[in-house]
Amino acid sequence: SINVMGWYRQALGLQRELVAAIFSGGSTNYA
């Protein structure tokens, strides 16, 4: 069922942010 997977991070006192993502076709994007 998964189309995309990614890594997020949250530093103390900050909002969670996207670090990197990989899509089912293999494409990627990065912060």
PDB file of all heavy atoms in Angstrom:
ATOM      1  N   SER A   1       0.809  -1.220   0.000  1.00  0.00           N
ATOM      2  CA  SER A   1       0.000   0.000   0.000  1.00  0.00           C
ATOM      3  C   SER A   1       0.839   1.266   0.000  1.00  0.00           C
ATOM      4  O   SER A   1       0.323   2.358  -0.189  1.00  0.00           O
ATOM      5  CB  SER A   1      -0.905   0.012   1.235  1.00  0.00           C
ATOM      6  OG  SER A   1      -0.147   0.223   2.417  1.00  0.00           O
ATOM      7  N   ILE A   2       2.142   1.127   0.200  1.00  0.00           N
ATOM      8  CA  ILE A   2       3.023   2.287   0.378  1.00  0.00           C
ATOM      9  C   ILE A   2       3.408   2.883  -0.970  1.00  0.00           C
ATOM     10  O   ILE A   2       3.853   2.186  -1.865  1.00  0.00           O
ATOM     11  CB  ILE A   2       4.292   1.880   1.151  1.00  0.00           C
ATOM     12  CG1 ILE A   2       3.912   1.380   2.549  1.00  0.00           C
ATOM     13  CG2 ILE A   2       5.244   3.065   1.250  1.00  0.00           C
ATOM     14  CD1 ILE A   2       5.089   0.781   3.307  1.00  0.00           C
ATOM     15  N   ASN A   3       3.248   4.213  -1.095  1.00  0.00           N
ATOM     16  CA  ASN A   3       3.673   4.942  -2.290  1.00  0.00           C
ATOM     17  C   ASN A   3       4.970   5.707  -2.080  1.00  0.00           C
ATOM     18  O   ASN A   3       5.738   5.936  -3.020  1.00  0.00           O
ATOM     19  CB  ASN A   3       2.597   5.947  -2.709  1.00  0.00           C
ATOM     20  CG  ASN A   3       1.335   5.275  -3.177  1.00  0.00           C
ATOM     21  OD1 ASN A   3       1.375   4.198  -3.766  1.00  0.00           O
ATOM     22  ND2 ASN A   3       0.196   5.887  -2.910  1.00  0.00           N
ATOM     23  N   VAL A   4       5.163   6.141  -0.859  1.00  0.00           N
ATOM     24  CA  VAL A   4       6.332   6.955  -0.569  1.00  0.00           C
ATOM     25  C   VAL A   4       6.798   6.682   0.852  1.00  0.00           C
ATOM     26  O   VAL A   4       5.983   6.442   1.755  1.00  0.00           O
ATOM     27  CB  VAL A   4       6.029   8.458  -0.763  1.00  0.00           C
ATOM     28  CG1 VAL A   4       4.872   8.903   0.100  1.00  0.00           C
ATOM     29  CG2 VAL A   4       7.254   9.318  -0.490  1.00  0.00           C
ATOM     30  N   MET A   5       8.097   6.697   1.036  1.00  0.00           N
ATOM     31  CA  MET A   5       8.680   6.595   2.373  1.00  0.00           C
ATOM     32  C   MET A   5       9.652   7.730   2.558  1.00  0.00           C
ATOM     33  O   MET A   5      10.255   8.232   1.592  1.00  0.00           O
ATOM     34  CB  MET A   5       9.392   5.259   2.565  1.00  0.00           C
ATOM     35  CG  MET A   5       8.453   4.072   2.545  1.00  0.00           C
ATOM     36  SD  MET A   5       9.269   2.521   2.983  1.00  0.00           S
ATOM     37  CE  MET A   5       9.505   2.748   4.757  1.00  0.00           C
ATOM     38  N   GLY A   6       9.790   8.144   3.799  1.00  0.00           N
ATOM     39  CA  GLY A   6      10.679   9.268   4.036  1.00  0.00           C
ATOM     40  C   GLY A   6      11.233   9.278   5.434  1.00  0.00           C
ATOM     41  O   GLY A   6      10.790   8.531   6.311  1.00  0.00           O
ATOM     42  N   TRP A   7      12.207  10.125   5.612  1.00  0.00           N
ATOM     43  CA  TRP A   7      12.800  10.395   6.920  1.00  0.00           C
ATOM     44  C   TRP A   7      12.480  11.842   7.288  1.00  0.00           C
ATOM     45  O   TRP A   7      12.681  12.754   6.484  1.00  0.00           O
ATOM     46  CB  TRP A   7      14.311  10.195   6.888  1.00  0.00           C
ATOM     47  CG  TRP A   7      14.729   8.773   6.766  1.00  0.00           C
ATOM     48  CD1 TRP A   7      15.092   8.115   5.633  1.00  0.00           C
ATOM     49  CD2 TRP A   7      14.828   7.823   7.831  1.00  0.00           C
ATOM     50  NE1 TRP A   7      15.399   6.810   5.920  1.00  0.00           N
ATOM     51  CE2 TRP A   7      15.253   6.612   7.267  1.00  0.00           C
ATOM     52  CE3 TRP A   7      14.608   7.884   9.206  1.00  0.00           C
ATOM     53  CZ2 TRP A   7      15.462   5.454   8.024  1.00  0.00           C
ATOM     54  CZ3 TRP A   7      14.807   6.741   9.965  1.00  0.00           C
ATOM     55  CH2 TRP A   7      15.223   5.542   9.379  1.00  0.00           C
ATOM     56  N   TYR A   8      12.006  12.009   8.499  1.00  0.00           N
ATOM     57  CA  TYR A   8      11.761  13.318   9.066  1.00  0.00           C
ATOM     58  C   TYR A   8      12.617  13.445  10.320  1.00  0.00           C
ATOM     59  O   TYR A   8      13.071  12.443  10.875  1.00  0.00           O
ATOM     60  CB  TYR A   8      10.283  13.468   9.457  1.00  0.00           C
ATOM     61  CG  TYR A   8       9.338  13.620   8.291  1.00  0.00           C
ATOM     62  CD1 TYR A   8       9.036  12.534   7.476  1.00  0.00           C
ATOM     63  CD2 TYR A   8       8.728  14.844   8.017  1.00  0.00           C
ATOM     64  CE1 TYR A   8       8.158  12.668   6.403  1.00  0.00           C
ATOM     65  CE2 TYR A   8       7.852  14.982   6.955  1.00  0.00           C
ATOM     66  CZ  TYR A   8       7.577  13.894   6.157  1.00  0.00           C
ATOM     67  OH  TYR A   8       6.701  14.034   5.104  1.00  0.00           O
ATOM     68  N   ARG A   9      12.811  14.667  10.757  1.00  0.00           N
ATOM     69  CA  ARG A   9      13.524  14.871  12.009  1.00  0.00           C
ATOM     70  C   ARG A   9      12.888  16.022  12.781  1.00  0.00           C
ATOM     71  O   ARG A   9      12.280  16.911  12.207  1.00  0.00           O
ATOM     72  CB  ARG A   9      15.006  15.140  11.777  1.00  0.00           C
ATOM     73  CG  ARG A   9      15.331  16.457  11.088  1.00  0.00           C
ATOM     74  CD  ARG A   9      16.817  16.528  10.778  1.00  0.00           C
ATOM     75  NE  ARG A   9      17.179  17.788  10.120  1.00  0.00           N
ATOM     76  CZ  ARG A   9      18.376  18.040   9.627  1.00  0.00           C
ATOM     77  NH1 ARG A   9      19.344  17.118   9.707  1.00  0.00           N
ATOM     78  NH2 ARG A   9      18.620  19.206   9.052  1.00  0.00           N
ATOM     79  N   GLN A  10      13.050  15.930  14.090  1.00  0.00           N
ATOM     80  CA  GLN A  10      12.528  16.970  14.962  1.00  0.00           C
ATOM     81  C   GLN A  10      13.558  17.285  16.023  1.00  0.00           C
ATOM     82  O   GLN A  10      13.857  16.444  16.881  1.00  0.00           O
ATOM     83  CB  GLN A  10      11.209  16.546  15.602  1.00  0.00           C
ATOM     84  CG  GLN A  10      10.535  17.653  16.379  1.00  0.00           C
ATOM     85  CD  GLN A  10       9.098  17.321  16.736  1.00  0.00           C
ATOM     86  OE1 GLN A  10       8.670  16.167  16.713  1.00  0.00           O
ATOM     87  NE2 GLN A  10       8.321  18.340  17.059  1.00  0.00           N
ATOM     88  N   ALA A  11      14.098  18.471  15.938  1.00  0.00           N
ATOM     89  CA  ALA A  11      15.033  18.945  16.952  1.00  0.00           C
ATOM     90  C   ALA A  11      14.253  19.540  18.112  1.00  0.00           C
ATOM     91  O   ALA A  11      13.094  19.949  17.959  1.00  0.00           O
ATOM     92  CB  ALA A  11      15.982  19.970  16.353  1.00  0.00           C
ATOM     93  N   LEU A  12      14.891  19.615  19.243  1.00  0.00           N
ATOM     94  CA  LEU A  12      14.231  20.112  20.461  1.00  0.00           C
ATOM     95  C   LEU A  12      13.699  21.512  20.235  1.00  0.00           C
ATOM     96  O   LEU A  12      14.426  22.417  19.827  1.00  0.00           O
ATOM     97  CB  LEU A  12      15.230  20.090  21.616  1.00  0.00           C
ATOM     98  CG  LEU A  12      14.646  20.197  23.017  1.00  0.00           C
ATOM     99  CD1 LEU A  12      13.726  19.016  23.308  1.00  0.00           C
ATOM    100  CD2 LEU A  12      15.758  20.273  24.047  1.00  0.00           C
ATOM    101  N   GLY A  13      12.406  21.692  20.476  1.00  0.00           N
ATOM    102  CA  GLY A  13      11.794  23.002  20.359  1.00  0.00           C
ATOM    103  C   GLY A  13      11.420  23.418  18.954  1.00  0.00           C
ATOM    104  O   GLY A  13      10.889  24.516  18.759  1.00  0.00           O
ATOM    105  N   LEU A  14      11.683  22.557  17.985  1.00  0.00           N
ATOM    106  CA  LEU A  14      11.378  22.890  16.596  1.00  0.00           C
ATOM    107  C   LEU A  14      10.329  21.948  16.019  1.00  0.00           C
ATOM    108  O   LEU A  14      10.031  20.902  16.587  1.00  0.00           O
ATOM    109  CB  LEU A  14      12.654  22.831  15.744  1.00  0.00           C
ATOM    110  CG  LEU A  14      13.792  23.775  16.141  1.00  0.00           C
ATOM    111  CD1 LEU A  14      14.978  23.586  15.216  1.00  0.00           C
ATOM    112  CD2 LEU A  14      13.326  25.221  16.138  1.00  0.00           C
ATOM    113  N   GLN A  15       9.783  22.352  14.875  1.00  0.00           N
ATOM    114  CA  GLN A  15       8.794  21.504  14.212  1.00  0.00           C
ATOM    115  C   GLN A  15       9.480  20.356  13.486  1.00  0.00           C
ATOM    116  O   GLN A  15      10.645  20.433  13.100  1.00  0.00           O
ATOM    117  CB  GLN A  15       7.993  22.342  13.211  1.00  0.00           C
ATOM    118  CG  GLN A  15       7.035  23.325  13.859  1.00  0.00           C
ATOM    119  CD  GLN A  15       6.121  23.989  12.843  1.00  0.00           C
ATOM    120  OE1 GLN A  15       6.464  24.121  11.676  1.00  0.00           O
ATOM    121  NE2 GLN A  15       4.947  24.392  13.285  1.00  0.00           N
ATOM    122  N   ARG A  16       8.719  19.296  13.291  1.00  0.00           N
ATOM    123  CA  ARG A  16       9.221  18.164  12.527  1.00  0.00           C
ATOM    124  C   ARG A  16       9.385  18.597  11.070  1.00  0.00           C
ATOM    125  O   ARG A  16       8.526  19.280  10.515  1.00  0.00           O
ATOM    126  CB  ARG A  16       8.254  16.988  12.631  1.00  0.00           C
ATOM    127  CG  ARG A  16       8.798  15.683  12.114  1.00  0.00           C
ATOM    128  CD  ARG A  16       7.852  14.529  12.428  1.00  0.00           C
ATOM    129  NE  ARG A  16       7.691  14.330  13.873  1.00  0.00           N
ATOM    130  CZ  ARG A  16       7.055  13.287  14.405  1.00  0.00           C
ATOM    131  NH1 ARG A  16       6.548  12.354  13.622  1.00  0.00           N
ATOM    132  NH2 ARG A  16       6.948  13.178  15.701  1.00  0.00           N
ATOM    133  N   GLU A  17      10.497  18.191  10.456  1.00  0.00           N
ATOM    134  CA  GLU A  17      10.765  18.590   9.085  1.00  0.00           C
ATOM    135  C   GLU A  17      11.166  17.382   8.249  1.00  0.00           C
ATOM    136  O   GLU A  17      11.758  16.421   8.761  1.00  0.00           O
ATOM    137  CB  GLU A  17      11.887  19.638   9.024  1.00  0.00           C
ATOM    138  CG  GLU A  17      13.225  19.155   9.533  1.00  0.00           C
ATOM    139  CD  GLU A  17      14.336  20.168   9.346  1.00  0.00           C
ATOM    140  OE1 GLU A  17      14.085  21.255   8.797  1.00  0.00           O
ATOM    141  OE2 GLU A  17      15.479  19.855   9.740  1.00  0.00           O
ATOM    142  N   LEU A  18      10.851  17.466   6.956  1.00  0.00           N
ATOM    143  CA  LEU A  18      11.239  16.412   6.030  1.00  0.00           C
ATOM    144  C   LEU A  18      12.737  16.492   5.766  1.00  0.00           C
ATOM    145  O   LEU A  18      13.262  17.567   5.473  1.00  0.00           O
ATOM    146  CB  LEU A  18      10.470  16.551   4.715  1.00  0.00           C
ATOM    147  CG  LEU A  18      10.850  15.573   3.613  1.00  0.00           C
ATOM    148  CD1 LEU A  18      10.467  14.148   3.987  1.00  0.00           C
ATOM    149  CD2 LEU A  18      10.194  15.974   2.294  1.00  0.00           C
ATOM    150  N   VAL A  19      13.387  15.350   5.846  1.00  0.00           N
ATOM    151  CA  VAL A  19      14.814  15.264   5.527  1.00  0.00           C
ATOM    152  C   VAL A  19      15.006  14.730   4.116  1.00  0.00           C
ATOM    153  O   VAL A  19      15.727  15.302   3.316  1.00  0.00           O
ATOM    154  CB  VAL A  19      15.531  14.354   6.538  1.00  0.00           C
ATOM    155  CG1 VAL A  19      16.993  14.175   6.147  1.00  0.00           C
ATOM    156  CG2 VAL A  19      15.409  14.919   7.945  1.00  0.00           C
ATOM    157  N   ALA A  20      14.348  13.609   3.828  1.00  0.00           N
ATOM    158  CA  ALA A  20      14.491  12.982   2.518  1.00  0.00           C
ATOM    159  C   ALA A  20      13.312  12.055   2.284  1.00  0.00           C
ATOM    160  O   ALA A  20      12.738  11.531   3.244  1.00  0.00           O
ATOM    161  CB  ALA A  20      15.797  12.209   2.412  1.00  0.00           C
ATOM    162  N   ALA A  21      12.976  11.857   1.013  1.00  0.00           N
ATOM    163  CA  ALA A  21      11.875  10.965   0.660  1.00  0.00           C
ATOM    164  C   ALA A  21      12.258  10.146  -0.558  1.00  0.00           C
ATOM    165  O   ALA A  21      13.049  10.589  -1.403  1.00  0.00           O
ATOM    166  CB  ALA A  21      10.597  11.753   0.378  1.00  0.00           C
ATOM    167  N   ILE A  22      11.695   8.947  -0.633  1.00  0.00           N
ATOM    168  CA  ILE A  22      11.901   8.081  -1.790  1.00  0.00           C
ATOM    169  C   ILE A  22      10.549   7.537  -2.216  1.00  0.00           C
ATOM    170  O   ILE A  22       9.773   7.050  -1.392  1.00  0.00           O
ATOM    171  CB  ILE A  22      12.925   6.964  -1.480  1.00  0.00           C
ATOM    172  CG1 ILE A  22      13.223   6.151  -2.736  1.00  0.00           C
ATOM    173  CG2 ILE A  22      12.461   6.079  -0.329  1.00  0.00           C
ATOM    174  CD1 ILE A  22      14.485   5.301  -2.612  1.00  0.00           C
ATOM    175  N   PHE A  23      10.266   7.656  -3.508  1.00  0.00           N
ATOM    176  CA  PHE A  23       8.970   7.282  -4.032  1.00  0.00           C
ATOM    177  C   PHE A  23       9.022   5.870  -4.618  1.00  0.00           C
ATOM    178  O   PHE A  23      10.095   5.320  -4.850  1.00  0.00           O
ATOM    179  CB  PHE A  23       8.528   8.309  -5.074  1.00  0.00           C
ATOM    180  CG  PHE A  23       8.321   9.677  -4.487  1.00  0.00           C
ATOM    181  CD1 PHE A  23       9.385  10.555  -4.328  1.00  0.00           C
ATOM    182  CD2 PHE A  23       7.065  10.072  -4.053  1.00  0.00           C
ATOM    183  CE1 PHE A  23       9.196  11.799  -3.754  1.00  0.00           C
ATOM    184  CE2 PHE A  23       6.870  11.315  -3.491  1.00  0.00           C
ATOM    185  CZ  PHE A  23       7.939  12.186  -3.338  1.00  0.00           C
ATOM    186  N   SER A  24       7.839   5.326  -4.873  1.00  0.00           N
ATOM    187  CA  SER A  24       7.761   3.940  -5.318  1.00  0.00           C
ATOM    188  C   SER A  24       8.501   3.724  -6.636  1.00  0.00           C
ATOM    189  O   SER A  24       9.019   2.640  -6.889  1.00  0.00           O
ATOM    190  CB  SER A  24       6.304   3.501  -5.457  1.00  0.00           C
ATOM    191  OG  SER A  24       5.600   4.381  -6.313  1.00  0.00           O
ATOM    192  N   GLY A  25       8.590   4.770  -7.460  1.00  0.00           N
ATOM    193  CA  GLY A  25       9.315   4.653  -8.722  1.00  0.00           C
ATOM    194  C   GLY A  25      10.812   4.801  -8.570  1.00  0.00           C
ATOM    195  O   GLY A  25      11.562   4.607  -9.539  1.00  0.00           O
ATOM    196  N   GLY A  26      11.240   5.159  -7.362  1.00  0.00           N
ATOM    197  CA  GLY A  26      12.672   5.277  -7.089  1.00  0.00           C
ATOM    198  C   GLY A  26      13.198   6.697  -7.026  1.00  0.00           C
ATOM    199  O   GLY A  26      14.342   6.912  -6.639  1.00  0.00           O
ATOM    200  N   SER A  27      12.386   7.672  -7.402  1.00  0.00           N
ATOM    201  CA  SER A  27      12.855   9.047  -7.341  1.00  0.00           C
ATOM    202  C   SER A  27      12.991   9.495  -5.893  1.00  0.00           C
ATOM    203  O   SER A  27      12.324   8.946  -5.002  1.00  0.00           O
ATOM    204  CB  SER A  27      11.909   9.987  -8.097  1.00  0.00           C
ATOM    205  OG  SER A  27      10.618   9.952  -7.537  1.00  0.00           O
ATOM    206  N   THR A  28      13.854  10.462  -5.684  1.00  0.00           N
ATOM    207  CA  THR A  28      14.138  10.925  -4.331  1.00  0.00           C
ATOM    208  C   THR A  28      14.114  12.447  -4.283  1.00  0.00           C
ATOM    209  O   THR A  28      14.270  13.125  -5.310  1.00  0.00           O
ATOM    210  CB  THR A  28      15.524  10.453  -3.866  1.00  0.00           C
ATOM    211  OG1 THR A  28      16.519  10.958  -4.760  1.00  0.00           O
ATOM    212  CG2 THR A  28      15.600   8.929  -3.831  1.00  0.00           C
ATOM    213  N   ASN A  29      13.915  12.971  -3.094  1.00  0.00           N
ATOM    214  CA  ASN A  29      14.164  14.387  -2.886  1.00  0.00           C
ATOM    215  C   ASN A  29      14.714  14.595  -1.489  1.00  0.00           C
ATOM    216  O   ASN A  29      14.562  13.744  -0.608  1.00  0.00           O
ATOM    217  CB  ASN A  29      12.936  15.260  -3.168  1.00  0.00           C
ATOM    218  CG  ASN A  29      11.767  14.973  -2.266  1.00  0.00           C
ATOM    219  OD1 ASN A  29      11.937  14.599  -1.112  1.00  0.00           O
ATOM    220  ND2 ASN A  29      10.568  15.159  -2.772  1.00  0.00           N
ATOM    221  N   TYR A  30      15.382  15.723  -1.327  1.00  0.00           N
ATOM    222  CA  TYR A  30      16.105  16.014  -0.100  1.00  0.00           C
ATOM    223  C   TYR A  30      15.860  17.455   0.338  1.00  0.00           C
ATOM    224  O   TYR A  30      15.680  18.343  -0.490  1.00  0.00           O
ATOM    225  CB  TYR A  30      17.616  15.848  -0.306  1.00  0.00           C
ATOM    226  CG  TYR A  30      18.047  14.441  -0.631  1.00  0.00           C
ATOM    227  CD1 TYR A  30      18.110  13.993  -1.944  1.00  0.00           C
ATOM    228  CD2 TYR A  30      18.397  13.549   0.389  1.00  0.00           C
ATOM    229  CE1 TYR A  30      18.499  12.701  -2.240  1.00  0.00           C
ATOM    230  CE2 TYR A  30      18.792  12.264   0.106  1.00  0.00           C
ATOM    231  CZ  TYR A  30      18.839  11.843  -1.213  1.00  0.00           C
ATOM    232  OH  TYR A  30      19.232  10.568  -1.499  1.00  0.00           O
ATOM    233  N   ALA A  31      15.915  17.655   1.639  1.00  0.00           N
ATOM    234  CA  ALA A  31      15.945  19.009   2.154  1.00  0.00           C
ATOM    235  C   ALA A  31      17.266  19.651   1.730  1.00  0.00           C
ATOM    236  O   ALA A  31      18.300  18.980   1.655  1.00  0.00           O
ATOM    237  CB  ALA A  31      15.833  19.001   3.675  1.00  0.00           C
TER     238      ALA A  31
END
